[in-house]
Amino acid sequence: MSNLKNRDSLVNPLLIVEVFSPSTEAYDRGEKFEYYRSLDSFSEYLLIAQDEIAADHFVKQDNIWTIREVEREVRLATIGCTLAFSQIYDRVEFGAEKEPHS
């Protein structure tokens, strides 16, 4: 394990939301997520792409993690919130082919 424990202070998180870049994606999905999973309270992880409209939603139920690719919106059960891509990427400019659907 890297120095992640020494750099970041997480106290009983339920949900962690991160924006990743192409250069951090492997770390965010790998070693960092492995560390987060060691936190007992942690049960929901949303990874949002920086360079395209895409996100993955990880949820722990009965100690098993599942992943769902977000299509238009994501329901974050731990905080009772639904986020649409149009909200997540508000004021982010992409080419016409990457515009979020309302």
C-alpha atoms as a PDB file:
ATOM      1  CA  MET A   1       0.000   0.000   0.000  1.00  0.00           C
ATOM      2  CA  SER A   2       1.269   3.461  -0.829  1.00  0.00           C
ATOM      3  CA  ASN A   3       1.310   6.456   1.471  1.00  0.00           C
ATOM      4  CA  LEU A   4      -2.413   6.933   0.848  1.00  0.00           C
ATOM      5  CA  LYS A   5      -3.195   6.511   4.544  1.00  0.00           C
ATOM      6  CA  ASN A   6      -0.761   9.287   5.421  1.00  0.00           C
ATOM      7  CA  ARG A   7      -1.979  11.729   2.750  1.00  0.00           C
ATOM      8  CA  ASP A   8      -5.733  11.443   3.021  1.00  0.00           C
ATOM      9  CA  SER A   9      -7.948  11.648   6.077  1.00  0.00           C
ATOM     10  CA  LEU A  10     -11.187   9.739   5.735  1.00  0.00           C
ATOM     11  CA  VAL A  11     -13.358   9.291   8.782  1.00  0.00           C
ATOM     12  CA  ASN A  12     -16.278   6.877   8.292  1.00  0.00           C
ATOM     13  CA  PRO A  13     -17.189   7.829   4.705  1.00  0.00           C
ATOM     14  CA  LEU A  14     -20.317   6.294   3.230  1.00  0.00           C
ATOM     15  CA  LEU A  15     -19.805   7.666  -0.268  1.00  0.00           C
ATOM     16  CA  ILE A  16     -16.705   8.795  -2.133  1.00  0.00           C
ATOM     17  CA  VAL A  17     -17.025  10.638  -5.451  1.00  0.00           C
ATOM     18  CA  GLU A  18     -13.935  11.148  -7.560  1.00  0.00           C
ATOM     19  CA  VAL A  19     -13.177  12.636 -10.943  1.00  0.00           C
ATOM     20  CA  PHE A  20     -10.427  10.749 -12.703  1.00  0.00           C
ATOM     21  CA  SER A  21      -8.212  11.619 -15.626  1.00  0.00           C
ATOM     22  CA  PRO A  22      -6.675   9.150 -18.063  1.00  0.00           C
ATOM     23  CA  SER A  23      -3.444   9.320 -16.040  1.00  0.00           C
ATOM     24  CA  THR A  24      -5.115   8.530 -12.667  1.00  0.00           C
ATOM     25  CA  GLU A  25      -7.799   6.055 -13.731  1.00  0.00           C
ATOM     26  CA  ALA A  26      -5.807   2.861 -13.077  1.00  0.00           C
ATOM     27  CA  TYR A  27      -4.760   4.073  -9.607  1.00  0.00           C
ATOM     28  CA  ASP A  28      -8.284   5.242  -8.706  1.00  0.00           C
ATOM     29  CA  ARG A  29      -9.808   1.909  -9.774  1.00  0.00           C
ATOM     30  CA  GLY A  30      -6.988  -0.161  -8.310  1.00  0.00           C
ATOM     31  CA  GLU A  31      -4.856   0.636  -5.287  1.00  0.00           C
ATOM     32  CA  LYS A  32      -6.919   3.591  -4.080  1.00  0.00           C
ATOM     33  CA  PHE A  33     -10.220   1.693  -4.345  1.00  0.00           C
ATOM     34  CA  GLU A  34      -8.612  -1.258  -2.547  1.00  0.00           C
ATOM     35  CA  TYR A  35      -7.729   1.044   0.350  1.00  0.00           C
ATOM     36  CA  TYR A  36     -11.207   2.597   0.400  1.00  0.00           C
ATOM     37  CA  ARG A  37     -12.797  -0.878   0.555  1.00  0.00           C
ATOM     38  CA  SER A  38     -10.918  -1.480   3.818  1.00  0.00           C
ATOM     39  CA  LEU A  39     -13.053   1.248   5.459  1.00  0.00           C
ATOM     40  CA  ASP A  40     -16.010  -0.417   7.204  1.00  0.00           C
ATOM     41  CA  SER A  41     -18.466   2.426   6.640  1.00  0.00           C
ATOM     42  CA  PHE A  42     -17.665   2.860   2.935  1.00  0.00           C
ATOM     43  CA  SER A  43     -20.382   1.444   0.686  1.00  0.00           C
ATOM     44  CA  GLU A  44     -20.660   3.606  -2.428  1.00  0.00           C
ATOM     45  CA  TYR A  45     -18.054   4.862  -4.918  1.00  0.00           C
ATOM     46  CA  LEU A  46     -18.727   7.053  -7.933  1.00  0.00           C
ATOM     47  CA  LEU A  47     -15.917   7.451 -10.462  1.00  0.00           C
ATOM     48  CA  ILE A  48     -16.489  10.231 -12.983  1.00  0.00           C
ATOM     49  CA  ALA A  49     -14.453  10.665 -16.164  1.00  0.00           C
ATOM     50  CA  GLN A  50     -12.829  14.036 -16.711  1.00  0.00           C
ATOM     51  CA  ASP A  51     -12.298  13.834 -20.455  1.00  0.00           C
ATOM     52  CA  GLU A  52     -15.594  12.277 -21.583  1.00  0.00           C
ATOM     53  CA  ILE A  53     -19.134  11.864 -20.344  1.00  0.00           C
ATOM     54  CA  ALA A  54     -18.856   8.593 -18.460  1.00  0.00           C
ATOM     55  CA  ALA A  55     -19.079   7.328 -14.898  1.00  0.00           C
ATOM     56  CA  ASP A  56     -19.046   4.045 -12.995  1.00  0.00           C
ATOM     57  CA  HIS A  57     -21.012   3.481  -9.812  1.00  0.00           C
ATOM     58  CA  PHE A  58     -19.787   0.868  -7.327  1.00  0.00           C
ATOM     59  CA  VAL A  59     -22.120  -0.265  -4.530  1.00  0.00           C
ATOM     60  CA  LYS A  60     -21.459  -2.646  -1.639  1.00  0.00           C
ATOM     61  CA  GLN A  61     -24.338  -4.874  -0.550  1.00  0.00           C
ATOM     62  CA  ASP A  62     -23.855  -7.804   1.803  1.00  0.00           C
ATOM     63  CA  ASN A  63     -20.082  -7.323   1.533  1.00  0.00           C
ATOM     64  CA  ILE A  64     -20.131  -7.770  -2.255  1.00  0.00           C
ATOM     65  CA  TRP A  65     -19.223  -4.916  -4.591  1.00  0.00           C
ATOM     66  CA  THR A  66     -21.146  -4.465  -7.830  1.00  0.00           C
ATOM     67  CA  ILE A  67     -20.448  -2.002 -10.622  1.00  0.00           C
ATOM     68  CA  ARG A  68     -22.882  -0.236 -12.899  1.00  0.00           C
ATOM     69  CA  GLU A  69     -21.979   2.013 -15.778  1.00  0.00           C
ATOM     70  CA  VAL A  70     -23.940   5.241 -15.412  1.00  0.00           C
ATOM     71  CA  GLU A  71     -26.004   6.046 -18.484  1.00  0.00           C
ATOM     72  CA  ARG A  72     -27.918   9.274 -17.790  1.00  0.00           C
ATOM     73  CA  GLU A  73     -28.220   9.584 -14.039  1.00  0.00           C
ATOM     74  CA  VAL A  74     -27.094   7.865 -10.869  1.00  0.00           C
ATOM     75  CA  ARG A  75     -28.985   7.288  -7.629  1.00  0.00           C
ATOM     76  CA  LEU A  76     -26.672   7.713  -4.625  1.00  0.00           C
ATOM     77  CA  ALA A  77     -28.601   5.788  -1.986  1.00  0.00           C
ATOM     78  CA  THR A  78     -26.242   6.579   0.901  1.00  0.00           C
ATOM     79  CA  ILE A  79     -27.115  10.277   0.711  1.00  0.00           C
ATOM     80  CA  GLY A  80     -30.571  10.069  -0.898  1.00  0.00           C
ATOM     81  CA  CYS A  81     -29.581  11.948  -4.039  1.00  0.00           C
ATOM     82  CA  THR A  82     -29.946  11.459  -7.776  1.00  0.00           C
ATOM     83  CA  LEU A  83     -27.454  13.124 -10.118  1.00  0.00           C
ATOM     84  CA  ALA A  84     -27.937  13.463 -13.856  1.00  0.00           C
ATOM     85  CA  PHE A  85     -25.031  13.761 -16.282  1.00  0.00           C
ATOM     86  CA  SER A  86     -26.420  17.188 -17.168  1.00  0.00           C
ATOM     87  CA  GLN A  87     -25.765  18.240 -13.543  1.00  0.00           C
ATOM     88  CA  ILE A  88     -22.407  16.498 -13.188  1.00  0.00           C
ATOM     89  CA  TYR A  89     -21.048  18.039 -16.392  1.00  0.00           C
ATOM     90  CA  ASP A  90     -22.804  21.414 -16.073  1.00  0.00           C
ATOM     91  CA  ARG A  91     -20.638  24.119 -17.685  1.00  0.00           C
ATOM     92  CA  VAL A  92     -18.148  21.549 -19.028  1.00  0.00           C
ATOM     93  CA  GLU A  93     -17.658  21.985 -22.752  1.00  0.00           C
ATOM     94  CA  PHE A  94     -17.279  18.906 -24.935  1.00  0.00           C
ATOM     95  CA  GLY A  95     -17.647  18.398 -28.665  1.00  0.00           C
ATOM     96  CA  ALA A  96     -21.229  18.001 -29.916  1.00  0.00           C
ATOM     97  CA  GLU A  97     -20.969  14.188 -29.883  1.00  0.00           C
ATOM     98  CA  LYS A  98     -20.289  14.201 -26.140  1.00  0.00           C
ATOM     99  CA  GLU A  99     -23.070  16.515 -24.962  1.00  0.00           C
ATOM    100  CA  PRO A 100     -25.111  15.006 -22.091  1.00  0.00           C
ATOM    101  CA  HIS A 101     -28.750  14.150 -22.711  1.00  0.00           C
ATOM    102  CA  SER A 102     -31.315  15.987 -20.613  1.00  0.00           C
END
